[in-house]
């Protein structure tokens, strides 16, 4: 306001937009487009596929080294029942996925064939493992796409067996313990699904500690949207290392803001498209969208390691630089991790 009460027109800003301002503007336009697309596509997609019938999860005794085999058997039985129900419903793709889970060689700590489905699978012997890696997946991971997630766990497990020194035993856990967001959806732009998932991940790590014992060193390896889940669960979590790969941001501004004693690692492949995602948070129509600071940036403060030339789905590819470094992190060979 002027001295006489007359409102002055604000001075126009004729300076060219900064790179940061241009990135923010592109992010807001892209976000708006994604929200509009999701508002149209997601309801139609959901309507196109009816709900898949399945039994409720098996009732299990508290997990201990002595109850592991009973839990595996109960969850395989549950998966077999889910396969029969899905087949009777006419969903042969889900029935096939359930049958794979029910195979006698599978070690399932948890299974729920309802809806998009959830599963927790073990590779190795939890009761004797001294080094355990827990893998947290990103968007579009469900029972229908589970095999690609499982392949990452198998690749890591194989590399751990090859590299583990004498006297070190290892296990890998593929934790699909939450409803992941769709890549084209409003949920992939916010922390809402991660906020829902975090208490379940914290509970699982506590259960894992009771099962594996205090002797085991646990590492969380988190991919894409899974990095947001891990960040939400991180405060006070009883793990030695947390690694973020292919992260769009974690929802935290710095590694210190995660309030954890774990070592924080981050990496991004040279061909990962997530590099193009503006690492900002902004309010849009009452929503907070975006995940803030890039975890591989100096401002975040993580230990940044080399991931090689790979893309968004290549971090666990056999023979890759990223897999070699993730293996070293799990085994505690932190001095051997190659830095970016």
C-alpha atoms as a PDB file:
ATOM      1  CA  UNK A   1       0.000   0.000   0.000  1.00  0.00           C
ATOM      2  CA  UNK A   2       1.203   3.608  -0.745  1.00  0.00           C
ATOM      3  CA  UNK A   3       1.321   6.396   1.793  1.00  0.00           C
ATOM      4  CA  UNK A   4      -2.090   7.692   0.624  1.00  0.00           C
ATOM      5  CA  UNK A   5      -3.714   4.246   0.737  1.00  0.00           C
ATOM      6  CA  UNK A   6      -3.487   3.679  -3.012  1.00  0.00           C
ATOM      7  CA  UNK A   7      -2.374   0.140  -4.003  1.00  0.00           C
ATOM      8  CA  UNK A   8       0.647   0.263  -6.264  1.00  0.00           C
ATOM      9  CA  UNK A   9       0.979  -2.202  -9.063  1.00  0.00           C
ATOM     10  CA  UNK A  10       3.796  -4.611  -8.322  1.00  0.00           C
ATOM     11  CA  UNK A  11       6.915  -4.096 -10.349  1.00  0.00           C
ATOM     12  CA  UNK A  12       7.086  -6.593 -13.155  1.00  0.00           C
ATOM     13  CA  UNK A  13       9.972  -9.057 -13.108  1.00  0.00           C
ATOM     14  CA  UNK A  14      11.541  -8.860 -16.541  1.00  0.00           C
ATOM     15  CA  UNK A  15      14.549 -11.023 -15.656  1.00  0.00           C
ATOM     16  CA  UNK A  16      14.738 -14.360 -17.478  1.00  0.00           C
ATOM     17  CA  UNK A  17      13.628 -17.388 -15.442  1.00  0.00           C
ATOM     18  CA  UNK A  18      16.388 -19.247 -13.679  1.00  0.00           C
ATOM     19  CA  UNK A  19      17.046 -22.931 -14.446  1.00  0.00           C
ATOM     20  CA  UNK A  20      15.570 -23.827 -11.052  1.00  0.00           C
ATOM     21  CA  UNK A  21      12.396 -21.834 -11.808  1.00  0.00           C
ATOM     22  CA  UNK A  22      12.063 -23.491 -15.218  1.00  0.00           C
ATOM     23  CA  UNK A  23      12.464 -26.928 -13.635  1.00  0.00           C
ATOM     24  CA  UNK A  24       9.821 -26.118 -11.030  1.00  0.00           C
ATOM     25  CA  UNK A  25       7.414 -24.873 -13.696  1.00  0.00           C
ATOM     26  CA  UNK A  26       7.951 -28.042 -15.760  1.00  0.00           C
ATOM     27  CA  UNK A  27       7.428 -30.165 -12.649  1.00  0.00           C
ATOM     28  CA  UNK A  28       4.157 -28.420 -11.829  1.00  0.00           C
ATOM     29  CA  UNK A  29       2.884 -28.817 -15.395  1.00  0.00           C
ATOM     30  CA  UNK A  30       3.908 -32.478 -15.441  1.00  0.00           C
ATOM     31  CA  UNK A  31       2.301 -33.049 -12.060  1.00  0.00           C
ATOM     32  CA  UNK A  32      -0.954 -31.476 -13.165  1.00  0.00           C
ATOM     33  CA  UNK A  33      -0.948 -33.611 -16.300  1.00  0.00           C
ATOM     34  CA  UNK A  34      -0.277 -36.730 -14.248  1.00  0.00           C
ATOM     35  CA  UNK A  35      -3.072 -35.924 -11.821  1.00  0.00           C
ATOM     36  CA  UNK A  36      -5.537 -35.375 -14.634  1.00  0.00           C
ATOM     37  CA  UNK A  37      -4.417 -38.564 -16.387  1.00  0.00           C
ATOM     38  CA  UNK A  38      -4.691 -40.536 -13.177  1.00  0.00           C
ATOM     39  CA  UNK A  39      -8.126 -39.155 -12.468  1.00  0.00           C
ATOM     40  CA  UNK A  40      -9.285 -40.564 -15.803  1.00  0.00           C
ATOM     41  CA  UNK A  41      -7.132 -43.650 -16.320  1.00  0.00           C
ATOM     42  CA  UNK A  42      -6.970 -45.161 -12.852  1.00  0.00           C
ATOM     43  CA  UNK A  43     -10.736 -45.449 -12.221  1.00  0.00           C
ATOM     44  CA  UNK A  44     -11.213 -46.943 -15.681  1.00  0.00           C
ATOM     45  CA  UNK A  45      -8.370 -49.413 -15.098  1.00  0.00           C
ATOM     46  CA  UNK A  46      -9.773 -50.418 -11.742  1.00  0.00           C
ATOM     47  CA  UNK A  47     -13.220 -50.888 -13.228  1.00  0.00           C
ATOM     48  CA  UNK A  48     -11.847 -53.041 -16.025  1.00  0.00           C
ATOM     49  CA  UNK A  49     -10.671 -55.756 -13.637  1.00  0.00           C
ATOM     50  CA  UNK A  50     -13.005 -57.274 -11.037  1.00  0.00           C
ATOM     51  CA  UNK A  51     -11.758 -58.058  -7.546  1.00  0.00           C
ATOM     52  CA  UNK A  52      -9.906 -61.372  -7.291  1.00  0.00           C
ATOM     53  CA  UNK A  53     -11.204 -63.719  -4.594  1.00  0.00           C
ATOM     54  CA  UNK A  54      -8.653 -65.240  -2.227  1.00  0.00           C
ATOM     55  CA  UNK A  55      -8.591 -66.527   1.342  1.00  0.00           C
ATOM     56  CA  UNK A  56      -7.486 -64.266   4.177  1.00  0.00           C
ATOM     57  CA  UNK A  57      -3.835 -64.660   5.201  1.00  0.00           C
ATOM     58  CA  UNK A  58      -2.959 -67.768   7.181  1.00  0.00           C
ATOM     59  CA  UNK A  59      -3.022 -67.509  10.965  1.00  0.00           C
ATOM     60  CA  UNK A  60       0.564 -67.938  12.135  1.00  0.00           C
ATOM     61  CA  UNK A  61       2.303 -68.405  15.437  1.00  0.00           C
ATOM     62  CA  UNK A  62       4.828 -65.680  16.327  1.00  0.00           C
ATOM     63  CA  UNK A  63       7.880 -66.145  14.140  1.00  0.00           C
ATOM     64  CA  UNK A  64      10.888 -67.763  15.784  1.00  0.00           C
ATOM     65  CA  UNK A  65      13.614 -70.021  14.385  1.00  0.00           C
ATOM     66  CA  UNK A  66      11.534 -73.019  15.416  1.00  0.00           C
ATOM     67  CA  UNK A  67       8.295 -71.825  13.765  1.00  0.00           C
ATOM     68  CA  UNK A  68       9.772 -70.818  10.392  1.00  0.00           C
ATOM     69  CA  UNK A  69       9.056 -74.112   8.643  1.00  0.00           C
ATOM     70  CA  UNK A  70       5.447 -74.136   9.864  1.00  0.00           C
ATOM     71  CA  UNK A  71       4.982 -70.574   8.580  1.00  0.00           C
ATOM     72  CA  UNK A  72       6.395 -71.484   5.183  1.00  0.00           C
ATOM     73  CA  UNK A  73       4.061 -74.473   4.918  1.00  0.00           C
ATOM     74  CA  UNK A  74       0.987 -72.514   6.010  1.00  0.00           C
ATOM     75  CA  UNK A  75       1.639 -69.756   3.481  1.00  0.00           C
ATOM     76  CA  UNK A  76       2.234 -72.223   0.646  1.00  0.00           C
ATOM     77  CA  UNK A  77      -1.086 -73.862   1.519  1.00  0.00           C
ATOM     78  CA  UNK A  78      -2.740 -70.443   1.494  1.00  0.00           C
ATOM     79  CA  UNK A  79      -1.258 -69.656  -1.929  1.00  0.00           C
ATOM     80  CA  UNK A  80      -2.527 -72.987  -3.305  1.00  0.00           C
ATOM     81  CA  UNK A  81      -6.025 -72.191  -2.061  1.00  0.00           C
ATOM     82  CA  UNK A  82      -5.798 -68.732  -3.615  1.00  0.00           C
ATOM     83  CA  UNK A  83      -4.827 -70.343  -6.934  1.00  0.00           C
ATOM     84  CA  UNK A  84      -7.920 -72.542  -6.887  1.00  0.00           C
ATOM     85  CA  UNK A  85     -10.179 -69.600  -6.069  1.00  0.00           C
ATOM     86  CA  UNK A  86      -8.643 -67.404  -8.776  1.00  0.00           C
ATOM     87  CA  UNK A  87      -9.000 -70.198 -11.356  1.00  0.00           C
ATOM     88  CA  UNK A  88     -12.645 -70.729 -10.437  1.00  0.00           C
ATOM     89  CA  UNK A  89     -13.137 -66.980 -10.839  1.00  0.00           C
ATOM     90  CA  UNK A  90     -11.654 -67.160 -14.349  1.00  0.00           C
ATOM     91  CA  UNK A  91      -8.478 -65.166 -13.582  1.00  0.00           C
ATOM     92  CA  UNK A  92      -5.958 -67.638 -14.946  1.00  0.00           C
ATOM     93  CA  UNK A  93      -3.041 -65.195 -14.820  1.00  0.00           C
ATOM     94  CA  UNK A  94      -3.424 -64.706 -11.073  1.00  0.00           C
ATOM     95  CA  UNK A  95      -4.067 -68.427 -10.591  1.00  0.00           C
ATOM     96  CA  UNK A  96      -0.739 -69.177 -12.285  1.00  0.00           C
ATOM     97  CA  UNK A  97       1.049 -66.626 -10.074  1.00  0.00           C
ATOM     98  CA  UNK A  98      -0.501 -68.152  -6.954  1.00  0.00           C
ATOM     99  CA  UNK A  99       0.495 -71.663  -8.039  1.00  0.00           C
ATOM    100  CA  UNK A 100       4.099 -70.542  -8.483  1.00  0.00           C
ATOM    101  CA  UNK A 101       4.053 -69.203  -4.937  1.00  0.00           C
ATOM    102  CA  UNK A 102       2.693 -72.520  -3.657  1.00  0.00           C
ATOM    103  CA  UNK A 103       5.645 -74.525  -5.014  1.00  0.00           C
ATOM    104  CA  UNK A 104       7.333 -76.642  -2.313  1.00  0.00           C
ATOM    105  CA  UNK A 105      10.646 -74.819  -2.793  1.00  0.00           C
ATOM    106  CA  UNK A 106       9.192 -71.405  -1.882  1.00  0.00           C
ATOM    107  CA  UNK A 107       9.777 -69.940   1.585  1.00  0.00           C
ATOM    108  CA  UNK A 108       6.986 -67.451   2.257  1.00  0.00           C
ATOM    109  CA  UNK A 109       6.943 -65.548   5.527  1.00  0.00           C
ATOM    110  CA  UNK A 110       3.657 -63.908   4.531  1.00  0.00           C
ATOM    111  CA  UNK A 111       1.107 -64.236   1.745  1.00  0.00           C
ATOM    112  CA  UNK A 112      -2.099 -62.438   0.843  1.00  0.00           C
ATOM    113  CA  UNK A 113      -3.651 -63.177  -2.550  1.00  0.00           C
ATOM    114  CA  UNK A 114      -6.437 -60.618  -2.216  1.00  0.00           C
ATOM    115  CA  UNK A 115      -6.524 -57.574  -4.474  1.00  0.00           C
ATOM    116  CA  UNK A 116      -3.122 -56.634  -5.871  1.00  0.00           C
ATOM    117  CA  UNK A 117      -1.625 -59.078  -3.399  1.00  0.00           C
ATOM    118  CA  UNK A 118       1.281 -59.036  -0.957  1.00  0.00           C
ATOM    119  CA  UNK A 119       4.062 -61.499  -0.217  1.00  0.00           C
ATOM    120  CA  UNK A 120       7.279 -61.790   1.760  1.00  0.00           C
ATOM    121  CA  UNK A 121       9.717 -64.398   0.477  1.00  0.00           C
ATOM    122  CA  UNK A 122      13.004 -65.626   1.977  1.00  0.00           C
ATOM    123  CA  UNK A 123      16.089 -66.803   0.108  1.00  0.00           C
ATOM    124  CA  UNK A 124      18.504 -68.526   2.468  1.00  0.00           C
ATOM    125  CA  UNK A 125      18.240 -69.555   6.111  1.00  0.00           C
ATOM    126  CA  UNK A 126      17.030 -66.749   8.369  1.00  0.00           C
ATOM    127  CA  UNK A 127      17.741 -68.739  11.518  1.00  0.00           C
ATOM    128  CA  UNK A 128      21.481 -68.931  10.827  1.00  0.00           C
ATOM    129  CA  UNK A 129      22.148 -65.855   8.654  1.00  0.00           C
ATOM    130  CA  UNK A 130      24.663 -63.325   9.919  1.00  0.00           C
ATOM    131  CA  UNK A 131      23.983 -60.885   7.060  1.00  0.00           C
ATOM    132  CA  UNK A 132      20.439 -60.199   5.857  1.00  0.00           C
ATOM    133  CA  UNK A 133      19.293 -57.947   3.020  1.00  0.00           C
ATOM    134  CA  UNK A 134      15.658 -56.790   2.857  1.00  0.00           C
ATOM    135  CA  UNK A 135      14.534 -55.559  -0.576  1.00  0.00           C
ATOM    136  CA  UNK A 136      11.759 -52.943  -0.803  1.00  0.00           C
ATOM    137  CA  UNK A 137      10.161 -52.539  -4.261  1.00  0.00           C
ATOM    138  CA  UNK A 138       8.759 -49.498  -6.012  1.00  0.00           C
ATOM    139  CA  UNK A 139       5.653 -48.758  -8.044  1.00  0.00           C
ATOM    140  CA  UNK A 140       3.669 -51.283 -10.083  1.00  0.00           C
ATOM    141  CA  UNK A 141       4.854 -54.259  -8.032  1.00  0.00           C
ATOM    142  CA  UNK A 142       2.091 -56.751  -7.283  1.00  0.00           C
ATOM    143  CA  UNK A 143       1.543 -60.504  -7.402  1.00  0.00           C
ATOM    144  CA  UNK A 144       0.969 -60.161 -11.147  1.00  0.00           C
ATOM    145  CA  UNK A 145       4.431 -58.618 -11.634  1.00  0.00           C
ATOM    146  CA  UNK A 146       6.126 -60.320  -8.701  1.00  0.00           C
ATOM    147  CA  UNK A 147       8.528 -62.460 -10.746  1.00  0.00           C
ATOM    148  CA  UNK A 148      10.569 -59.443 -11.856  1.00  0.00           C
ATOM    149  CA  UNK A 149      10.897 -58.348  -8.216  1.00  0.00           C
ATOM    150  CA  UNK A 150      11.822 -61.894  -7.210  1.00  0.00           C
ATOM    151  CA  UNK A 151      14.525 -61.927  -9.901  1.00  0.00           C
ATOM    152  CA  UNK A 152      16.284 -59.033  -8.146  1.00  0.00           C
ATOM    153  CA  UNK A 153      16.321 -60.981  -4.877  1.00  0.00           C
ATOM    154  CA  UNK A 154      17.686 -64.091  -6.607  1.00  0.00           C
ATOM    155  CA  UNK A 155      20.437 -62.081  -8.314  1.00  0.00           C
ATOM    156  CA  UNK A 156      21.499 -60.530  -5.020  1.00  0.00           C
ATOM    157  CA  UNK A 157      21.362 -63.844  -3.198  1.00  0.00           C
ATOM    158  CA  UNK A 158      23.565 -65.501  -5.845  1.00  0.00           C
ATOM    159  CA  UNK A 159      26.136 -62.701  -5.623  1.00  0.00           C
ATOM    160  CA  UNK A 160      26.149 -62.832  -1.822  1.00  0.00           C
ATOM    161  CA  UNK A 161      26.817 -66.562  -1.860  1.00  0.00           C
ATOM    162  CA  UNK A 162      29.718 -66.005  -4.246  1.00  0.00           C
ATOM    163  CA  UNK A 163      31.272 -63.129  -2.305  1.00  0.00           C
ATOM    164  CA  UNK A 164      30.589 -63.964   1.349  1.00  0.00           C
ATOM    165  CA  UNK A 165      33.781 -64.726   3.268  1.00  0.00           C
ATOM    166  CA  UNK A 166      34.155 -67.948   5.196  1.00  0.00           C
ATOM    167  CA  UNK A 167      32.031 -67.935   8.321  1.00  0.00           C
ATOM    168  CA  UNK A 168      29.482 -65.455   6.929  1.00  0.00           C
ATOM    169  CA  UNK A 169      26.019 -66.780   6.119  1.00  0.00           C
ATOM    170  CA  UNK A 170      23.507 -64.708   4.201  1.00  0.00           C
ATOM    171  CA  UNK A 171      19.796 -64.423   3.478  1.00  0.00           C
ATOM    172  CA  UNK A 172      17.716 -62.131   1.273  1.00  0.00           C
ATOM    173  CA  UNK A 173      14.114 -61.154   1.952  1.00  0.00           C
ATOM    174  CA  UNK A 174      11.859 -59.829  -0.827  1.00  0.00           C
ATOM    175  CA  UNK A 175       9.322 -57.691   1.073  1.00  0.00           C
ATOM    176  CA  UNK A 176       6.203 -56.877  -0.900  1.00  0.00           C
ATOM    177  CA  UNK A 177       4.412 -55.911   2.270  1.00  0.00           C
ATOM    178  CA  UNK A 178       2.457 -52.906   1.019  1.00  0.00           C
ATOM    179  CA  UNK A 179       0.178 -51.831  -1.794  1.00  0.00           C
ATOM    180  CA  UNK A 180       2.542 -50.119  -4.187  1.00  0.00           C
ATOM    181  CA  UNK A 181       1.327 -47.134  -6.203  1.00  0.00           C
ATOM    182  CA  UNK A 182       0.734 -47.342  -9.919  1.00  0.00           C
ATOM    183  CA  UNK A 183       3.204 -45.480 -12.115  1.00  0.00           C
ATOM    184  CA  UNK A 184       0.279 -43.577 -13.641  1.00  0.00           C
ATOM    185  CA  UNK A 185      -1.664 -42.574 -10.548  1.00  0.00           C
ATOM    186  CA  UNK A 186      -2.020 -39.779  -8.047  1.00  0.00           C
ATOM    187  CA  UNK A 187      -0.554 -42.023  -5.336  1.00  0.00           C
ATOM    188  CA  UNK A 188       2.887 -42.205  -6.972  1.00  0.00           C
ATOM    189  CA  UNK A 189       3.309 -38.450  -6.504  1.00  0.00           C
ATOM    190  CA  UNK A 190       2.834 -38.307  -2.724  1.00  0.00           C
ATOM    191  CA  UNK A 191       4.056 -40.061   0.407  1.00  0.00           C
ATOM    192  CA  UNK A 192       0.575 -41.440   1.216  1.00  0.00           C
ATOM    193  CA  UNK A 193       1.282 -45.082   0.316  1.00  0.00           C
ATOM    194  CA  UNK A 194       4.668 -44.875   2.034  1.00  0.00           C
ATOM    195  CA  UNK A 195       3.047 -43.477   5.176  1.00  0.00           C
ATOM    196  CA  UNK A 196       0.709 -46.482   5.195  1.00  0.00           C
ATOM    197  CA  UNK A 197       3.541 -48.939   4.519  1.00  0.00           C
ATOM    198  CA  UNK A 198       6.098 -47.647   7.030  1.00  0.00           C
ATOM    199  CA  UNK A 199       4.506 -49.087  10.212  1.00  0.00           C
ATOM    200  CA  UNK A 200       4.268 -52.501   8.535  1.00  0.00           C
ATOM    201  CA  UNK A 201       7.934 -52.379   7.518  1.00  0.00           C
ATOM    202  CA  UNK A 202       8.956 -51.354  11.033  1.00  0.00           C
ATOM    203  CA  UNK A 203       6.911 -54.231  12.466  1.00  0.00           C
ATOM    204  CA  UNK A 204       8.489 -56.656  10.010  1.00  0.00           C
ATOM    205  CA  UNK A 205      12.043 -55.594  10.897  1.00  0.00           C
ATOM    206  CA  UNK A 206      11.244 -56.066  14.591  1.00  0.00           C
ATOM    207  CA  UNK A 207       9.845 -59.528  13.805  1.00  0.00           C
ATOM    208  CA  UNK A 208      12.914 -60.309  11.723  1.00  0.00           C
ATOM    209  CA  UNK A 209      15.125 -59.352  14.643  1.00  0.00           C
ATOM    210  CA  UNK A 210      13.241 -61.755  16.903  1.00  0.00           C
ATOM    211  CA  UNK A 211      13.610 -64.508  14.315  1.00  0.00           C
ATOM    212  CA  UNK A 212      17.204 -64.008  13.206  1.00  0.00           C
ATOM    213  CA  UNK A 213      18.585 -62.789  16.508  1.00  0.00           C
ATOM    214  CA  UNK A 214      20.795 -59.875  17.446  1.00  0.00           C
ATOM    215  CA  UNK A 215      23.821 -61.403  15.740  1.00  0.00           C
ATOM    216  CA  UNK A 216      22.514 -60.650  12.248  1.00  0.00           C
ATOM    217  CA  UNK A 217      23.350 -57.378  10.471  1.00  0.00           C
ATOM    218  CA  UNK A 218      20.334 -56.182   8.471  1.00  0.00           C
ATOM    219  CA  UNK A 219      20.468 -53.920   5.413  1.00  0.00           C
ATOM    220  CA  UNK A 220      17.499 -52.272   3.693  1.00  0.00           C
ATOM    221  CA  UNK A 221      17.898 -51.996  -0.090  1.00  0.00           C
ATOM    222  CA  UNK A 222      15.196 -49.699  -1.406  1.00  0.00           C
ATOM    223  CA  UNK A 223      14.299 -49.067  -5.051  1.00  0.00           C
ATOM    224  CA  UNK A 224      12.376 -46.172  -6.628  1.00  0.00           C
ATOM    225  CA  UNK A 225       9.176 -45.430  -4.626  1.00  0.00           C
ATOM    226  CA  UNK A 226      10.436 -48.002  -2.143  1.00  0.00           C
ATOM    227  CA  UNK A 227      12.990 -45.389  -1.062  1.00  0.00           C
ATOM    228  CA  UNK A 228      10.106 -43.240   0.189  1.00  0.00           C
ATOM    229  CA  UNK A 229       8.802 -46.213   2.201  1.00  0.00           C
ATOM    230  CA  UNK A 230      12.237 -46.827   3.746  1.00  0.00           C
ATOM    231  CA  UNK A 231      12.664 -43.156   4.610  1.00  0.00           C
ATOM    232  CA  UNK A 232       9.290 -43.070   6.358  1.00  0.00           C
ATOM    233  CA  UNK A 233      10.201 -46.201   8.357  1.00  0.00           C
ATOM    234  CA  UNK A 234      13.794 -45.161   9.100  1.00  0.00           C
ATOM    235  CA  UNK A 235      13.624 -43.259  12.415  1.00  0.00           C
ATOM    236  CA  UNK A 236      15.087 -45.519  15.082  1.00  0.00           C
ATOM    237  CA  UNK A 237      14.942 -48.594  12.828  1.00  0.00           C
ATOM    238  CA  UNK A 238      17.271 -51.391  13.961  1.00  0.00           C
ATOM    239  CA  UNK A 239      19.276 -51.855  10.754  1.00  0.00           C
ATOM    240  CA  UNK A 240      22.929 -51.259   9.885  1.00  0.00           C
ATOM    241  CA  UNK A 241      22.545 -49.824   6.380  1.00  0.00           C
ATOM    242  CA  UNK A 242      19.848 -48.226   4.220  1.00  0.00           C
ATOM    243  CA  UNK A 243      20.555 -47.923   0.480  1.00  0.00           C
ATOM    244  CA  UNK A 244      18.446 -45.805  -1.871  1.00  0.00           C
ATOM    245  CA  UNK A 245      18.699 -46.658  -5.580  1.00  0.00           C
ATOM    246  CA  UNK A 246      16.781 -45.004  -8.408  1.00  0.00           C
ATOM    247  CA  UNK A 247      15.130 -42.661  -5.916  1.00  0.00           C
ATOM    248  CA  UNK A 248      12.741 -39.855  -6.940  1.00  0.00           C
ATOM    249  CA  UNK A 249      13.498 -38.334  -3.531  1.00  0.00           C
ATOM    250  CA  UNK A 250      12.663 -39.707  -0.113  1.00  0.00           C
ATOM    251  CA  UNK A 251      10.431 -37.027   1.366  1.00  0.00           C
ATOM    252  CA  UNK A 252      13.320 -35.994   3.636  1.00  0.00           C
ATOM    253  CA  UNK A 253      15.566 -33.005   2.958  1.00  0.00           C
ATOM    254  CA  UNK A 254      18.724 -34.618   4.339  1.00  0.00           C
ATOM    255  CA  UNK A 255      20.043 -37.959   5.532  1.00  0.00           C
ATOM    256  CA  UNK A 256      20.194 -36.531   9.052  1.00  0.00           C
ATOM    257  CA  UNK A 257      16.446 -35.865   8.894  1.00  0.00           C
ATOM    258  CA  UNK A 258      15.860 -39.635   8.701  1.00  0.00           C
ATOM    259  CA  UNK A 259      16.797 -39.872  12.415  1.00  0.00           C
ATOM    260  CA  UNK A 260      18.527 -43.212  12.139  1.00  0.00           C
ATOM    261  CA  UNK A 261      21.856 -44.576  13.219  1.00  0.00           C
ATOM    262  CA  UNK A 262      22.098 -46.613  10.020  1.00  0.00           C
ATOM    263  CA  UNK A 263      24.603 -45.729   7.312  1.00  0.00           C
ATOM    264  CA  UNK A 264      22.732 -44.045   4.466  1.00  0.00           C
ATOM    265  CA  UNK A 265      23.752 -44.862   0.896  1.00  0.00           C
ATOM    266  CA  UNK A 266      22.460 -43.621  -2.457  1.00  0.00           C
ATOM    267  CA  UNK A 267      23.116 -44.353  -6.115  1.00  0.00           C
ATOM    268  CA  UNK A 268      21.665 -43.669  -9.543  1.00  0.00           C
ATOM    269  CA  UNK A 269      22.560 -45.315 -12.834  1.00  0.00           C
ATOM    270  CA  UNK A 270      23.774 -43.084 -15.652  1.00  0.00           C
ATOM    271  CA  UNK A 271      20.774 -44.039 -17.810  1.00  0.00           C
ATOM    272  CA  UNK A 272      18.111 -43.912 -15.115  1.00  0.00           C
ATOM    273  CA  UNK A 273      15.212 -41.716 -16.245  1.00  0.00           C
ATOM    274  CA  UNK A 274      14.516 -40.721 -12.620  1.00  0.00           C
ATOM    275  CA  UNK A 275      17.351 -38.196 -12.954  1.00  0.00           C
ATOM    276  CA  UNK A 276      14.925 -36.064 -15.008  1.00  0.00           C
ATOM    277  CA  UNK A 277      12.386 -35.901 -12.169  1.00  0.00           C
ATOM    278  CA  UNK A 278      12.659 -32.468 -10.495  1.00  0.00           C
ATOM    279  CA  UNK A 279      13.569 -33.110  -6.885  1.00  0.00           C
ATOM    280  CA  UNK A 280      11.197 -30.607  -5.328  1.00  0.00           C
ATOM    281  CA  UNK A 281       8.085 -30.586  -3.167  1.00  0.00           C
ATOM    282  CA  UNK A 282       5.223 -28.295  -4.016  1.00  0.00           C
ATOM    283  CA  UNK A 283       1.600 -27.729  -2.994  1.00  0.00           C
ATOM    284  CA  UNK A 284      -0.946 -28.345  -5.732  1.00  0.00           C
ATOM    285  CA  UNK A 285      -4.703 -28.093  -5.117  1.00  0.00           C
ATOM    286  CA  UNK A 286      -4.134 -28.823  -1.428  1.00  0.00           C
ATOM    287  CA  UNK A 287      -1.814 -31.763  -2.125  1.00  0.00           C
ATOM    288  CA  UNK A 288       1.887 -31.890  -1.354  1.00  0.00           C
ATOM    289  CA  UNK A 289       3.484 -33.576  -4.347  1.00  0.00           C
ATOM    290  CA  UNK A 290       7.100 -34.489  -4.975  1.00  0.00           C
ATOM    291  CA  UNK A 291       9.755 -35.845  -2.645  1.00  0.00           C
ATOM    292  CA  UNK A 292      12.341 -33.118  -2.167  1.00  0.00           C
ATOM    293  CA  UNK A 293      16.125 -33.346  -2.170  1.00  0.00           C
ATOM    294  CA  UNK A 294      17.862 -35.701  -4.574  1.00  0.00           C
ATOM    295  CA  UNK A 295      19.499 -38.410  -2.407  1.00  0.00           C
ATOM    296  CA  UNK A 296      22.620 -38.481  -4.608  1.00  0.00           C
ATOM    297  CA  UNK A 297      23.154 -34.729  -4.251  1.00  0.00           C
ATOM    298  CA  UNK A 298      25.771 -33.403  -1.814  1.00  0.00           C
ATOM    299  CA  UNK A 299      23.014 -31.484  -0.045  1.00  0.00           C
ATOM    300  CA  UNK A 300      21.352 -34.722   1.084  1.00  0.00           C
ATOM    301  CA  UNK A 301      24.492 -36.093   2.720  1.00  0.00           C
ATOM    302  CA  UNK A 302      24.308 -39.789   1.828  1.00  0.00           C
ATOM    303  CA  UNK A 303      27.293 -41.972   0.948  1.00  0.00           C
ATOM    304  CA  UNK A 304      26.978 -41.926  -2.823  1.00  0.00           C
ATOM    305  CA  UNK A 305      28.235 -45.054  -4.587  1.00  0.00           C
ATOM    306  CA  UNK A 306      28.761 -45.967  -8.218  1.00  0.00           C
ATOM    307  CA  UNK A 307      25.902 -47.623 -10.103  1.00  0.00           C
ATOM    308  CA  UNK A 308      27.441 -47.789 -13.562  1.00  0.00           C
ATOM    309  CA  UNK A 309      25.671 -47.087 -16.866  1.00  0.00           C
ATOM    310  CA  UNK A 310      22.429 -48.916 -16.042  1.00  0.00           C
ATOM    311  CA  UNK A 311      18.838 -47.736 -16.220  1.00  0.00           C
ATOM    312  CA  UNK A 312      16.010 -47.679 -13.688  1.00  0.00           C
ATOM    313  CA  UNK A 313      15.544 -51.457 -13.639  1.00  0.00           C
ATOM    314  CA  UNK A 314      19.222 -52.450 -13.766  1.00  0.00           C
ATOM    315  CA  UNK A 315      20.459 -52.046 -10.203  1.00  0.00           C
ATOM    316  CA  UNK A 316      20.298 -55.785  -9.489  1.00  0.00           C
ATOM    317  CA  UNK A 317      21.333 -56.966 -12.929  1.00  0.00           C
ATOM    318  CA  UNK A 318      23.925 -59.775 -12.650  1.00  0.00           C
ATOM    319  CA  UNK A 319      27.406 -58.469 -13.365  1.00  0.00           C
ATOM    320  CA  UNK A 320      26.464 -54.816 -12.855  1.00  0.00           C
ATOM    321  CA  UNK A 321      28.487 -52.258 -10.917  1.00  0.00           C
ATOM    322  CA  UNK A 322      25.433 -51.475  -8.795  1.00  0.00           C
ATOM    323  CA  UNK A 323      24.909 -55.096  -7.739  1.00  0.00           C
ATOM    324  CA  UNK A 324      28.592 -55.454  -6.847  1.00  0.00           C
ATOM    325  CA  UNK A 325      28.410 -52.414  -4.570  1.00  0.00           C
ATOM    326  CA  UNK A 326      25.091 -53.427  -3.012  1.00  0.00           C
ATOM    327  CA  UNK A 327      26.636 -56.808  -2.227  1.00  0.00           C
ATOM    328  CA  UNK A 328      29.582 -55.117  -0.504  1.00  0.00           C
ATOM    329  CA  UNK A 329      27.199 -52.977   1.552  1.00  0.00           C
ATOM    330  CA  UNK A 330      25.229 -56.027   2.716  1.00  0.00           C
ATOM    331  CA  UNK A 331      28.444 -57.897   3.592  1.00  0.00           C
ATOM    332  CA  UNK A 332      29.805 -54.923   5.523  1.00  0.00           C
ATOM    333  CA  UNK A 333      32.718 -54.376   3.126  1.00  0.00           C
ATOM    334  CA  UNK A 334      32.083 -50.648   3.176  1.00  0.00           C
ATOM    335  CA  UNK A 335      35.694 -49.700   2.371  1.00  0.00           C
ATOM    336  CA  UNK A 336      35.439 -51.693  -0.871  1.00  0.00           C
ATOM    337  CA  UNK A 337      32.333 -49.850  -2.107  1.00  0.00           C
ATOM    338  CA  UNK A 338      33.290 -47.801  -5.159  1.00  0.00           C
ATOM    339  CA  UNK A 339      32.187 -44.209  -4.927  1.00  0.00           C
ATOM    340  CA  UNK A 340      30.508 -42.233  -7.679  1.00  0.00           C
END
